[in-house]
Amino acid sequence: MVALSVGARLVAESLESLLFQISATDPDTFGAVALLLTSISLAGSLVPALLAMRTDQMLALRAE
C-alpha cells in the first residue's frame, strides 16, 4: 500500500506540468481518483459476478 502511494506521488509530480490550477499532490484529487477507480473496478466485476450467480453450477460442471 505504501509503495502504491509513493508511486502515485511520483507519477503526479512528473505530470504536474499538465495540471491546471491544482497542485500535483492535492489530497482531494488523490481521494477522488481513488474513489473513481474503486467504483469502476467494482462495477466492472459486478456484472460477471451476477451472471455467474445465475448459472447452474451442475450444468457448468457437466459441460466441462
PDB file of N, CA and C in Angstrom:
ATOM      1  N   MET A   1       0.824  -1.186   0.000  1.00  0.00           N
ATOM      2  CA  MET A   1       0.000   0.000   0.000  1.00  0.00           C
ATOM      3  C   MET A   1       0.868   1.249   0.000  1.00  0.00           C
ATOM      4  N   VAL A   2       1.949   1.208   0.767  1.00  0.00           N
ATOM      5  CA  VAL A   2       2.841   2.353   0.825  1.00  0.00           C
ATOM      6  C   VAL A   2       3.540   2.540  -0.515  1.00  0.00           C
ATOM      7  N   ALA A   3       3.891   1.425  -1.162  1.00  0.00           N
ATOM      8  CA  ALA A   3       4.560   1.519  -2.462  1.00  0.00           C
ATOM      9  C   ALA A   3       3.641   2.155  -3.494  1.00  0.00           C
ATOM     10  N   LEU A   4       2.345   1.865  -3.424  1.00  0.00           N
ATOM     11  CA  LEU A   4       1.397   2.499  -4.343  1.00  0.00           C
ATOM     12  C   LEU A   4       1.302   3.993  -4.090  1.00  0.00           C
ATOM     13  N   SER A   5       1.323   4.398  -2.838  1.00  0.00           N
ATOM     14  CA  SER A   5       1.258   5.821  -2.502  1.00  0.00           C
ATOM     15  C   SER A   5       2.486   6.558  -3.022  1.00  0.00           C
ATOM     16  N   VAL A   6       3.627   5.940  -2.842  1.00  0.00           N
ATOM     17  CA  VAL A   6       4.871   6.554  -3.313  1.00  0.00           C
ATOM     18  C   VAL A   6       4.870   6.623  -4.839  1.00  0.00           C
ATOM     19  N   GLY A   7       4.429   5.555  -5.484  1.00  0.00           N
ATOM     20  CA  GLY A   7       4.361   5.553  -6.947  1.00  0.00           C
ATOM     21  C   GLY A   7       3.387   6.583  -7.479  1.00  0.00           C
ATOM     22  N   ALA A   8       2.232   6.714  -6.834  1.00  0.00           N
ATOM     23  CA  ALA A   8       1.248   7.706  -7.259  1.00  0.00           C
ATOM     24  C   ALA A   8       1.794   9.119  -7.104  1.00  0.00           C
ATOM     25  N   ARG A   9       2.503   9.348  -6.027  1.00  0.00           N
ATOM     26  CA  ARG A   9       3.074  10.682  -5.808  1.00  0.00           C
ATOM     27  C   ARG A   9       4.141  11.006  -6.859  1.00  0.00           C
ATOM     28  N   LEU A  10       4.963  10.023  -7.195  1.00  0.00           N
ATOM     29  CA  LEU A  10       5.998  10.246  -8.213  1.00  0.00           C
ATOM     30  C   LEU A  10       5.387  10.518  -9.587  1.00  0.00           C
ATOM     31  N   VAL A  11       4.357   9.765  -9.933  1.00  0.00           N
ATOM     32  CA  VAL A  11       3.685   9.975 -11.212  1.00  0.00           C
ATOM     33  C   VAL A  11       3.011  11.335 -11.237  1.00  0.00           C
ATOM     34  N   ALA A  12       2.383  11.712 -10.136  1.00  0.00           N
ATOM     35  CA  ALA A  12       1.702  13.007 -10.066  1.00  0.00           C
ATOM     36  C   ALA A  12       2.690  14.157 -10.220  1.00  0.00           C
ATOM     37  N   GLU A  13       3.827  14.030  -9.591  1.00  0.00           N
ATOM     38  CA  GLU A  13       4.827  15.090  -9.709  1.00  0.00           C
ATOM     39  C   GLU A  13       5.401  15.167 -11.121  1.00  0.00           C
ATOM     40  N   SER A  14       5.511  14.033 -11.797  1.00  0.00           N
ATOM     41  CA  SER A  14       6.036  14.061 -13.162  1.00  0.00           C
ATOM     42  C   SER A  14       5.015  14.636 -14.144  1.00  0.00           C
ATOM     43  N   LEU A  15       3.732  14.524 -13.813  1.00  0.00           N
ATOM     44  CA  LEU A  15       2.677  15.054 -14.685  1.00  0.00           C
ATOM     45  C   LEU A  15       2.197  16.436 -14.241  1.00  0.00           C
ATOM     46  N   GLU A  16       2.916  17.078 -13.344  1.00  0.00           N
ATOM     47  CA  GLU A  16       2.482  18.357 -12.786  1.00  0.00           C
ATOM     48  C   GLU A  16       2.334  19.442 -13.848  1.00  0.00           C
ATOM     49  N   SER A  17       3.096  19.375 -14.903  1.00  0.00           N
ATOM     50  CA  SER A  17       3.000  20.399 -15.944  1.00  0.00           C
ATOM     51  C   SER A  17       1.681  20.320 -16.715  1.00  0.00           C
ATOM     52  N   LEU A  18       1.001  19.174 -16.654  1.00  0.00           N
ATOM     53  CA  LEU A  18      -0.276  19.019 -17.351  1.00  0.00           C
ATOM     54  C   LEU A  18      -1.471  19.454 -16.509  1.00  0.00           C
ATOM     55  N   LEU A  19      -1.249  19.708 -15.219  1.00  0.00           N
ATOM     56  CA  LEU A  19      -2.329  20.075 -14.311  1.00  0.00           C
ATOM     57  C   LEU A  19      -2.523  21.588 -14.298  1.00  0.00           C
ATOM     58  N   PHE A  20      -3.770  22.010 -14.272  1.00  0.00           N
ATOM     59  CA  PHE A  20      -4.073  23.431 -14.255  1.00  0.00           C
ATOM     60  C   PHE A  20      -4.803  23.787 -12.976  1.00  0.00           C
ATOM     61  N   GLN A  21      -4.312  24.754 -12.241  1.00  0.00           N
ATOM     62  CA  GLN A  21      -4.905  25.337 -11.046  1.00  0.00           C
ATOM     63  C   GLN A  21      -5.022  24.377  -9.868  1.00  0.00           C
ATOM     64  N   ILE A  22      -4.299  23.280  -9.858  1.00  0.00           N
ATOM     65  CA  ILE A  22      -4.207  22.424  -8.678  1.00  0.00           C
ATOM     66  C   ILE A  22      -2.765  21.967  -8.530  1.00  0.00           C
ATOM     67  N   SER A  23      -2.413  21.598  -7.309  1.00  0.00           N
ATOM     68  CA  SER A  23      -1.053  21.100  -7.113  1.00  0.00           C
ATOM     69  C   SER A  23      -1.008  19.606  -7.449  1.00  0.00           C
ATOM     70  N   ALA A  24       0.180  19.103  -7.608  1.00  0.00           N
ATOM     71  CA  ALA A  24       0.342  17.697  -8.001  1.00  0.00           C
ATOM     72  C   ALA A  24      -0.040  16.746  -6.881  1.00  0.00           C
ATOM     73  N   THR A  25       0.040  17.201  -5.658  1.00  0.00           N
ATOM     74  CA  THR A  25      -0.241  16.320  -4.530  1.00  0.00           C
ATOM     75  C   THR A  25      -1.484  16.773  -3.766  1.00  0.00           C
ATOM     76  N   ASP A  26      -2.478  17.272  -4.457  1.00  0.00           N
ATOM     77  CA  ASP A  26      -3.718  17.727  -3.839  1.00  0.00           C
ATOM     78  C   ASP A  26      -4.460  16.535  -3.246  1.00  0.00           C
ATOM     79  N   PRO A  27      -4.726  16.517  -1.940  1.00  0.00           N
ATOM     80  CA  PRO A  27      -5.365  15.355  -1.316  1.00  0.00           C
ATOM     81  C   PRO A  27      -6.780  15.100  -1.837  1.00  0.00           C
ATOM     82  N   ASP A  28      -7.518  16.145  -2.161  1.00  0.00           N
ATOM     83  CA  ASP A  28      -8.869  15.958  -2.700  1.00  0.00           C
ATOM     84  C   ASP A  28      -8.834  15.239  -4.046  1.00  0.00           C
ATOM     85  N   THR A  29      -7.877  15.589  -4.877  1.00  0.00           N
ATOM     86  CA  THR A  29      -7.747  14.948  -6.183  1.00  0.00           C
ATOM     87  C   THR A  29      -7.351  13.484  -6.027  1.00  0.00           C
ATOM     88  N   PHE A  30      -6.398  13.197  -5.138  1.00  0.00           N
ATOM     89  CA  PHE A  30      -5.997  11.809  -4.894  1.00  0.00           C
ATOM     90  C   PHE A  30      -7.182  10.993  -4.394  1.00  0.00           C
ATOM     91  N   GLY A  31      -7.971  11.562  -3.488  1.00  0.00           N
ATOM     92  CA  GLY A  31      -9.137  10.861  -2.965  1.00  0.00           C
ATOM     93  C   GLY A  31     -10.190  10.625  -4.034  1.00  0.00           C
ATOM     94  N   ALA A  32     -10.418  11.629  -4.871  1.00  0.00           N
ATOM     95  CA  ALA A  32     -11.412  11.496  -5.940  1.00  0.00           C
ATOM     96  C   ALA A  32     -10.987  10.438  -6.947  1.00  0.00           C
ATOM     97  N   VAL A  33      -9.726  10.403  -7.290  1.00  0.00           N
ATOM     98  CA  VAL A  33      -9.234   9.408  -8.248  1.00  0.00           C
ATOM     99  C   VAL A  33      -9.309   8.009  -7.645  1.00  0.00           C
ATOM    100  N   ALA A  34      -8.961   7.881  -6.380  1.00  0.00           N
ATOM    101  CA  ALA A  34      -9.052   6.568  -5.716  1.00  0.00           C
ATOM    102  C   ALA A  34     -10.499   6.092  -5.666  1.00  0.00           C
ATOM    103  N   LEU A  35     -11.417   6.994  -5.362  1.00  0.00           N
ATOM    104  CA  LEU A  35     -12.840   6.643  -5.326  1.00  0.00           C
ATOM    105  C   LEU A  35     -13.350   6.272  -6.713  1.00  0.00           C
ATOM    106  N   LEU A  36     -12.928   7.014  -7.720  1.00  0.00           N
ATOM    107  CA  LEU A  36     -13.340   6.728  -9.094  1.00  0.00           C
ATOM    108  C   LEU A  36     -12.832   5.361  -9.552  1.00  0.00           C
ATOM    109  N   LEU A  37     -11.571   5.069  -9.316  1.00  0.00           N
ATOM    110  CA  LEU A  37     -11.005   3.784  -9.736  1.00  0.00           C
ATOM    111  C   LEU A  37     -11.630   2.618  -8.977  1.00  0.00           C
ATOM    112  N   THR A  38     -11.923   2.822  -7.704  1.00  0.00           N
ATOM    113  CA  THR A  38     -12.575   1.774  -6.916  1.00  0.00           C
ATOM    114  C   THR A  38     -13.971   1.492  -7.434  1.00  0.00           C
ATOM    115  N   SER A  39     -14.725   2.545  -7.723  1.00  0.00           N
ATOM    116  CA  SER A  39     -16.093   2.341  -8.213  1.00  0.00           C
ATOM    117  C   SER A  39     -16.104   1.708  -9.603  1.00  0.00           C
ATOM    118  N   ILE A  40     -15.160   2.048 -10.448  1.00  0.00           N
ATOM    119  CA  ILE A  40     -15.078   1.445 -11.781  1.00  0.00           C
ATOM    120  C   ILE A  40     -14.733  -0.038 -11.670  1.00  0.00           C
ATOM    121  N   SER A  41     -13.806  -0.386 -10.792  1.00  0.00           N
ATOM    122  CA  SER A  41     -13.438  -1.799 -10.654  1.00  0.00           C
ATOM    123  C   SER A  41     -14.571  -2.612 -10.042  1.00  0.00           C
ATOM    124  N   LEU A  42     -15.303  -2.033  -9.094  1.00  0.00           N
ATOM    125  CA  LEU A  42     -16.450  -2.742  -8.529  1.00  0.00           C
ATOM    126  C   LEU A  42     -17.553  -2.932  -9.557  1.00  0.00           C
ATOM    127  N   ALA A  43     -17.825  -1.913 -10.347  1.00  0.00           N
ATOM    128  CA  ALA A  43     -18.853  -2.025 -11.386  1.00  0.00           C
ATOM    129  C   ALA A  43     -18.442  -3.032 -12.455  1.00  0.00           C
ATOM    130  N   GLY A  44     -17.164  -3.064 -12.789  1.00  0.00           N
ATOM    131  CA  GLY A  44     -16.681  -3.994 -13.795  1.00  0.00           C
ATOM    132  C   GLY A  44     -16.710  -5.444 -13.339  1.00  0.00           C
ATOM    133  N   SER A  45     -16.577  -5.671 -12.069  1.00  0.00           N
ATOM    134  CA  SER A  45     -16.616  -7.047 -11.572  1.00  0.00           C
ATOM    135  C   SER A  45     -18.015  -7.475 -11.138  1.00  0.00           C
ATOM    136  N   LEU A  46     -18.919  -6.532 -10.986  1.00  0.00           N
ATOM    137  CA  LEU A  46     -20.269  -6.856 -10.546  1.00  0.00           C
ATOM    138  C   LEU A  46     -21.057  -7.609 -11.615  1.00  0.00           C
ATOM    139  N   VAL A  47     -20.945  -7.199 -12.865  1.00  0.00           N
ATOM    140  CA  VAL A  47     -21.713  -7.840 -13.947  1.00  0.00           C
ATOM    141  C   VAL A  47     -21.319  -9.307 -14.117  1.00  0.00           C
ATOM    142  N   PRO A  48     -20.042  -9.659 -14.233  1.00  0.00           N
ATOM    143  CA  PRO A  48     -19.702 -11.081 -14.343  1.00  0.00           C
ATOM    144  C   PRO A  48     -20.085 -11.891 -13.093  1.00  0.00           C
ATOM    145  N   ALA A  49     -19.997 -11.269 -11.926  1.00  0.00           N
ATOM    146  CA  ALA A  49     -20.370 -11.976 -10.701  1.00  0.00           C
ATOM    147  C   ALA A  49     -21.864 -12.281 -10.684  1.00  0.00           C
ATOM    148  N   LEU A  50     -22.679 -11.332 -11.107  1.00  0.00           N
ATOM    149  CA  LEU A  50     -24.121 -11.567 -11.150  1.00  0.00           C
ATOM    150  C   LEU A  50     -24.481 -12.637 -12.179  1.00  0.00           C
ATOM    151  N   LEU A  51     -23.810 -12.628 -13.319  1.00  0.00           N
ATOM    152  CA  LEU A  51     -24.051 -13.656 -14.334  1.00  0.00           C
ATOM    153  C   LEU A  51     -23.624 -15.037 -13.834  1.00  0.00           C
ATOM    154  N   ALA A  52     -22.521 -15.091 -13.116  1.00  0.00           N
ATOM    155  CA  ALA A  52     -22.058 -16.375 -12.583  1.00  0.00           C
ATOM    156  C   ALA A  52     -22.998 -16.900 -11.507  1.00  0.00           C
ATOM    157  N   MET A  53     -23.632 -16.009 -10.764  1.00  0.00           N
ATOM    158  CA  MET A  53     -24.564 -16.445  -9.732  1.00  0.00           C
ATOM    159  C   MET A  53     -25.833 -17.042 -10.335  1.00  0.00           C
ATOM    160  N   ARG A  54     -26.195 -16.611 -11.533  1.00  0.00           N
ATOM    161  CA  ARG A  54     -27.409 -17.119 -12.170  1.00  0.00           C
ATOM    162  C   ARG A  54     -27.192 -18.464 -12.857  1.00  0.00           C
ATOM    163  N   THR A  55     -25.955 -18.840 -13.092  1.00  0.00           N
ATOM    164  CA  THR A  55     -25.636 -20.062 -13.809  1.00  0.00           C
ATOM    165  C   THR A  55     -25.790 -21.271 -12.878  1.00  0.00           C
ATOM    166  N   ASP A  56     -26.374 -22.328 -13.393  1.00  0.00           N
ATOM    167  CA  ASP A  56     -26.474 -23.564 -12.627  1.00  0.00           C
ATOM    168  C   ASP A  56     -25.099 -24.237 -12.619  1.00  0.00           C
ATOM    169  N   GLN A  57     -24.558 -24.440 -11.435  1.00  0.00           N
ATOM    170  CA  GLN A  57     -23.193 -24.975 -11.325  1.00  0.00           C
ATOM    171  C   GLN A  57     -23.088 -26.389 -11.849  1.00  0.00           C
ATOM    172  N   MET A  58     -24.099 -27.203 -11.651  1.00  0.00           N
ATOM    173  CA  MET A  58     -24.039 -28.592 -12.134  1.00  0.00           C
ATOM    174  C   MET A  58     -24.004 -28.636 -13.658  1.00  0.00           C
ATOM    175  N   LEU A  59     -24.754 -27.765 -14.314  1.00  0.00           N
ATOM    176  CA  LEU A  59     -24.713 -27.735 -15.775  1.00  0.00           C
ATOM    177  C   LEU A  59     -23.341 -27.271 -16.280  1.00  0.00           C
ATOM    178  N   ALA A  60     -22.775 -26.298 -15.590  1.00  0.00           N
ATOM    179  CA  ALA A  60     -21.455 -25.812 -15.974  1.00  0.00           C
ATOM    180  C   ALA A  60     -20.387 -26.875 -15.785  1.00  0.00           C
ATOM    181  N   LEU A  61     -20.463 -27.639 -14.701  1.00  0.00           N
ATOM    182  CA  LEU A  61     -19.501 -28.693 -14.458  1.00  0.00           C
ATOM    183  C   LEU A  61     -19.648 -29.849 -15.432  1.00  0.00           C
ATOM    184  N   ARG A  62     -20.879 -30.179 -15.797  1.00  0.00           N
ATOM    185  CA  ARG A  62     -21.100 -31.273 -16.749  1.00  0.00           C
ATOM    186  C   ARG A  62     -20.616 -30.891 -18.146  1.00  0.00           C
ATOM    187  N   ALA A  63     -20.641 -29.631 -18.490  1.00  0.00           N
ATOM    188  CA  ALA A  63     -20.208 -29.177 -19.806  1.00  0.00           C
ATOM    189  C   ALA A  63     -18.704 -29.289 -19.963  1.00  0.00           C
ATOM    190  N   GLU A  64     -17.993 -29.332 -18.877  1.00  0.00           N
ATOM    191  CA  GLU A  64     -16.527 -29.397 -18.941  1.00  0.00           C
ATOM    192  C   GLU A  64     -16.102 -30.716 -19.406  1.00  0.00           C
TER     193      GLU A  64
END
